[in-house]
Amino acid sequence: YLFCFLSFFLDGQAQVLLKQRQVSITRGHKTTTSMDCIAEGIPDFQTAYIHWYRQVPSRGPERILYIGPGAVSYDDNSYRNKYSSSKKGTNVCTFTISDINSNDEGIYYCAYWHF
């Protein structure tokens, strides 16, 4: 199963709230899924850096990618065919996983901070 959850982060003096709905995928039902990260409190969302992580039990969080002003950067080039991300409007960042299989099990979540 893939799960998402609510995340809170502080950015200097202002509070930033990142909201995610729980997404659960059962094998065989879908091959691709997308999840949204809805940001509140980021003044210029299109230039903000949103990071996507995967957490697997008994291992530390692993960053998959981040999306900045119009570009996605991957922590591992092998992720390019598996994961993607885009921004919509003033506060929604979408993360997509393709060709879902049992190796994709984990908790996926977004994060935000300035570089």
C-alpha atoms as a PDB file:
ATOM      1  CA  TYR A   1       0.000   0.000   0.000  1.00  0.00           C
ATOM      2  CA  LEU A   2       1.026   3.596  -0.559  1.00  0.00           C
ATOM      3  CA  PHE A   3       0.186   6.075   2.178  1.00  0.00           C
ATOM      4  CA  CYS A   4       0.377   9.843   2.508  1.00  0.00           C
ATOM      5  CA  PHE A   5      -0.093  11.971   5.571  1.00  0.00           C
ATOM      6  CA  LEU A   6      -0.332  15.509   6.884  1.00  0.00           C
ATOM      7  CA  SER A   7       2.927  17.411   7.319  1.00  0.00           C
ATOM      8  CA  PHE A   8       3.703  20.628   9.219  1.00  0.00           C
ATOM      9  CA  PHE A   9       6.838  22.677   8.631  1.00  0.00           C
ATOM     10  CA  LEU A  10       8.060  26.042   9.822  1.00  0.00           C
ATOM     11  CA  ASP A  11       9.619  28.475   7.379  1.00  0.00           C
ATOM     12  CA  GLY A  12      11.317  31.234   9.350  1.00  0.00           C
ATOM     13  CA  GLN A  13       8.556  33.189  11.115  1.00  0.00           C
ATOM     14  CA  ALA A  14       5.682  31.990   8.915  1.00  0.00           C
ATOM     15  CA  GLN A  15       3.963  28.671   9.337  1.00  0.00           C
ATOM     16  CA  VAL A  16       3.631  26.539   6.241  1.00  0.00           C
ATOM     17  CA  LEU A  17       1.042  23.781   6.160  1.00  0.00           C
ATOM     18  CA  LEU A  18       1.312  20.915   3.673  1.00  0.00           C
ATOM     19  CA  LYS A  19      -1.769  18.721   3.399  1.00  0.00           C
ATOM     20  CA  GLN A  20      -2.037  15.305   1.789  1.00  0.00           C
ATOM     21  CA  ARG A  21      -4.967  12.920   1.567  1.00  0.00           C
ATOM     22  CA  GLN A  22      -4.300   9.290   2.291  1.00  0.00           C
ATOM     23  CA  VAL A  23      -3.924   7.263  -0.903  1.00  0.00           C
ATOM     24  CA  SER A  24      -4.089   3.484  -0.796  1.00  0.00           C
ATOM     25  CA  ILE A  25      -3.339   1.329  -3.837  1.00  0.00           C
ATOM     26  CA  THR A  26      -3.935  -2.412  -3.899  1.00  0.00           C
ATOM     27  CA  ARG A  27      -1.877  -4.456  -6.318  1.00  0.00           C
ATOM     28  CA  GLY A  28      -3.588  -5.154  -9.607  1.00  0.00           C
ATOM     29  CA  HIS A  29      -6.031  -2.241  -9.409  1.00  0.00           C
ATOM     30  CA  LYS A  30      -3.883   0.502 -10.906  1.00  0.00           C
ATOM     31  CA  THR A  31      -0.526   0.806 -12.613  1.00  0.00           C
ATOM     32  CA  THR A  32      -0.139   4.562 -12.104  1.00  0.00           C
ATOM     33  CA  THR A  33      -1.215   6.796  -9.238  1.00  0.00           C
ATOM     34  CA  SER A  34      -0.938  10.462  -8.353  1.00  0.00           C
ATOM     35  CA  MET A  35      -1.100  12.260  -5.031  1.00  0.00           C
ATOM     36  CA  ASP A  36      -1.430  15.953  -4.280  1.00  0.00           C
ATOM     37  CA  CYS A  37       0.406  18.099  -1.771  1.00  0.00           C
ATOM     38  CA  ILE A  38      -1.693  21.178  -0.979  1.00  0.00           C
ATOM     39  CA  ALA A  39       0.414  24.018   0.398  1.00  0.00           C
ATOM     40  CA  GLU A  40      -0.791  26.864   2.586  1.00  0.00           C
ATOM     41  CA  GLY A  41       1.384  29.784   3.606  1.00  0.00           C
ATOM     42  CA  ILE A  42       3.919  29.725   0.756  1.00  0.00           C
ATOM     43  CA  PRO A  43       3.776  33.217  -0.773  1.00  0.00           C
ATOM     44  CA  ASP A  44       5.276  32.426  -4.210  1.00  0.00           C
ATOM     45  CA  PHE A  45       4.387  28.775  -4.736  1.00  0.00           C
ATOM     46  CA  GLN A  46       5.556  28.523  -8.347  1.00  0.00           C
ATOM     47  CA  THR A  47       9.136  29.369  -7.344  1.00  0.00           C
ATOM     48  CA  ALA A  48       9.081  27.279  -4.143  1.00  0.00           C
ATOM     49  CA  TYR A  49      10.971  24.013  -3.775  1.00  0.00           C
ATOM     50  CA  ILE A  50       8.733  21.053  -2.910  1.00  0.00           C
ATOM     51  CA  HIS A  51      10.480  17.794  -2.022  1.00  0.00           C
ATOM     52  CA  TRP A  52       9.011  14.286  -2.239  1.00  0.00           C
ATOM     53  CA  TYR A  53      10.197  11.513   0.076  1.00  0.00           C
ATOM     54  CA  ARG A  54       9.578   7.827   0.521  1.00  0.00           C
ATOM     55  CA  GLN A  55       9.677   6.148   3.941  1.00  0.00           C
ATOM     56  CA  VAL A  56      10.058   2.381   4.190  1.00  0.00           C
ATOM     57  CA  PRO A  57       9.845   0.610   7.573  1.00  0.00           C
ATOM     58  CA  SER A  58      13.248   0.065   9.238  1.00  0.00           C
ATOM     59  CA  ARG A  59      14.931   2.553   6.865  1.00  0.00           C
ATOM     60  CA  GLY A  60      15.379   6.289   6.970  1.00  0.00           C
ATOM     61  CA  PRO A  61      13.449   8.611   4.662  1.00  0.00           C
ATOM     62  CA  GLU A  62      14.760   8.770   1.110  1.00  0.00           C
ATOM     63  CA  ARG A  63      14.271  11.832  -1.047  1.00  0.00           C
ATOM     64  CA  ILE A  64      13.130  10.909  -4.535  1.00  0.00           C
ATOM     65  CA  LEU A  65      12.952  14.317  -6.191  1.00  0.00           C
ATOM     66  CA  TYR A  66      12.267  17.981  -5.727  1.00  0.00           C
ATOM     67  CA  ILE A  67      10.526  20.456  -7.970  1.00  0.00           C
ATOM     68  CA  GLY A  68      11.625  24.070  -8.111  1.00  0.00           C
ATOM     69  CA  PRO A  69      10.766  26.920 -10.470  1.00  0.00           C
ATOM     70  CA  GLY A  70       9.634  24.920 -13.499  1.00  0.00           C
ATOM     71  CA  ALA A  71      12.073  22.025 -13.198  1.00  0.00           C
ATOM     72  CA  VAL A  72      12.219  18.629 -11.501  1.00  0.00           C
ATOM     73  CA  SER A  73      15.512  17.344 -10.080  1.00  0.00           C
ATOM     74  CA  TYR A  74      15.979  13.660  -9.234  1.00  0.00           C
ATOM     75  CA  ASP A  75      18.220  12.300  -6.509  1.00  0.00           C
ATOM     76  CA  ASP A  76      18.898   9.252  -8.693  1.00  0.00           C
ATOM     77  CA  ASN A  77      18.630   9.324 -12.494  1.00  0.00           C
ATOM     78  CA  SER A  78      17.011   5.875 -12.452  1.00  0.00           C
ATOM     79  CA  TYR A  79      13.919   7.539 -10.903  1.00  0.00           C
ATOM     80  CA  ARG A  80      13.153   9.534 -14.060  1.00  0.00           C
ATOM     81  CA  ASN A  81      10.995   6.817 -15.629  1.00  0.00           C
ATOM     82  CA  LYS A  82       9.269   5.935 -12.357  1.00  0.00           C
ATOM     83  CA  TYR A  83       8.385   9.237 -10.658  1.00  0.00           C
ATOM     84  CA  SER A  84       7.313  12.680 -11.798  1.00  0.00           C
ATOM     85  CA  SER A  85       6.001  15.872 -10.266  1.00  0.00           C
ATOM     86  CA  SER A  86       4.263  19.045 -11.376  1.00  0.00           C
ATOM     87  CA  LYS A  87       2.715  22.166  -9.879  1.00  0.00           C
ATOM     88  CA  LYS A  88      -0.839  23.326 -10.493  1.00  0.00           C
ATOM     89  CA  GLY A  89      -2.190  26.779  -9.754  1.00  0.00           C
ATOM     90  CA  THR A  90      -1.092  28.627  -6.650  1.00  0.00           C
ATOM     91  CA  ASN A  91      -0.721  25.791  -4.137  1.00  0.00           C
ATOM     92  CA  VAL A  92      -0.954  22.207  -5.489  1.00  0.00           C
ATOM     93  CA  CYS A  93       2.027  19.967  -6.192  1.00  0.00           C
ATOM     94  CA  THR A  94       1.276  16.565  -7.738  1.00  0.00           C
ATOM     95  CA  PHE A  95       3.514  13.496  -7.429  1.00  0.00           C
ATOM     96  CA  THR A  96       3.018  10.548  -9.813  1.00  0.00           C
ATOM     97  CA  ILE A  97       4.272   6.977  -9.557  1.00  0.00           C
ATOM     98  CA  SER A  98       4.253   4.863 -12.721  1.00  0.00           C
ATOM     99  CA  ASP A  99       4.354   1.094 -13.191  1.00  0.00           C
ATOM    100  CA  ILE A 100       3.408   0.373  -9.583  1.00  0.00           C
ATOM    101  CA  ASN A 101       4.639  -2.926  -8.169  1.00  0.00           C
ATOM    102  CA  SER A 102       5.303  -4.459  -4.756  1.00  0.00           C
ATOM    103  CA  ASN A 103       8.685  -2.696  -4.510  1.00  0.00           C
ATOM    104  CA  ASP A 104       6.873   0.637  -4.314  1.00  0.00           C
ATOM    105  CA  GLU A 105       5.326  -0.054  -0.916  1.00  0.00           C
ATOM    106  CA  GLY A 106       5.927   2.735   1.578  1.00  0.00           C
ATOM    107  CA  ILE A 107       4.845   6.124   2.877  1.00  0.00           C
ATOM    108  CA  TYR A 108       5.253   9.003   0.439  1.00  0.00           C
ATOM    109  CA  TYR A 109       5.206  12.577   1.640  1.00  0.00           C
ATOM    110  CA  CYS A 110       6.011  16.110   0.587  1.00  0.00           C
ATOM    111  CA  ALA A 111       8.190  18.645   2.368  1.00  0.00           C
ATOM    112  CA  TYR A 112       9.110  22.281   1.835  1.00  0.00           C
ATOM    113  CA  TRP A 113      12.078  24.485   2.639  1.00  0.00           C
ATOM    114  CA  HIS A 114      14.317  27.049   0.994  1.00  0.00           C
ATOM    115  CA  PHE A 115      17.704  26.030  -0.343  1.00  0.00           C
END
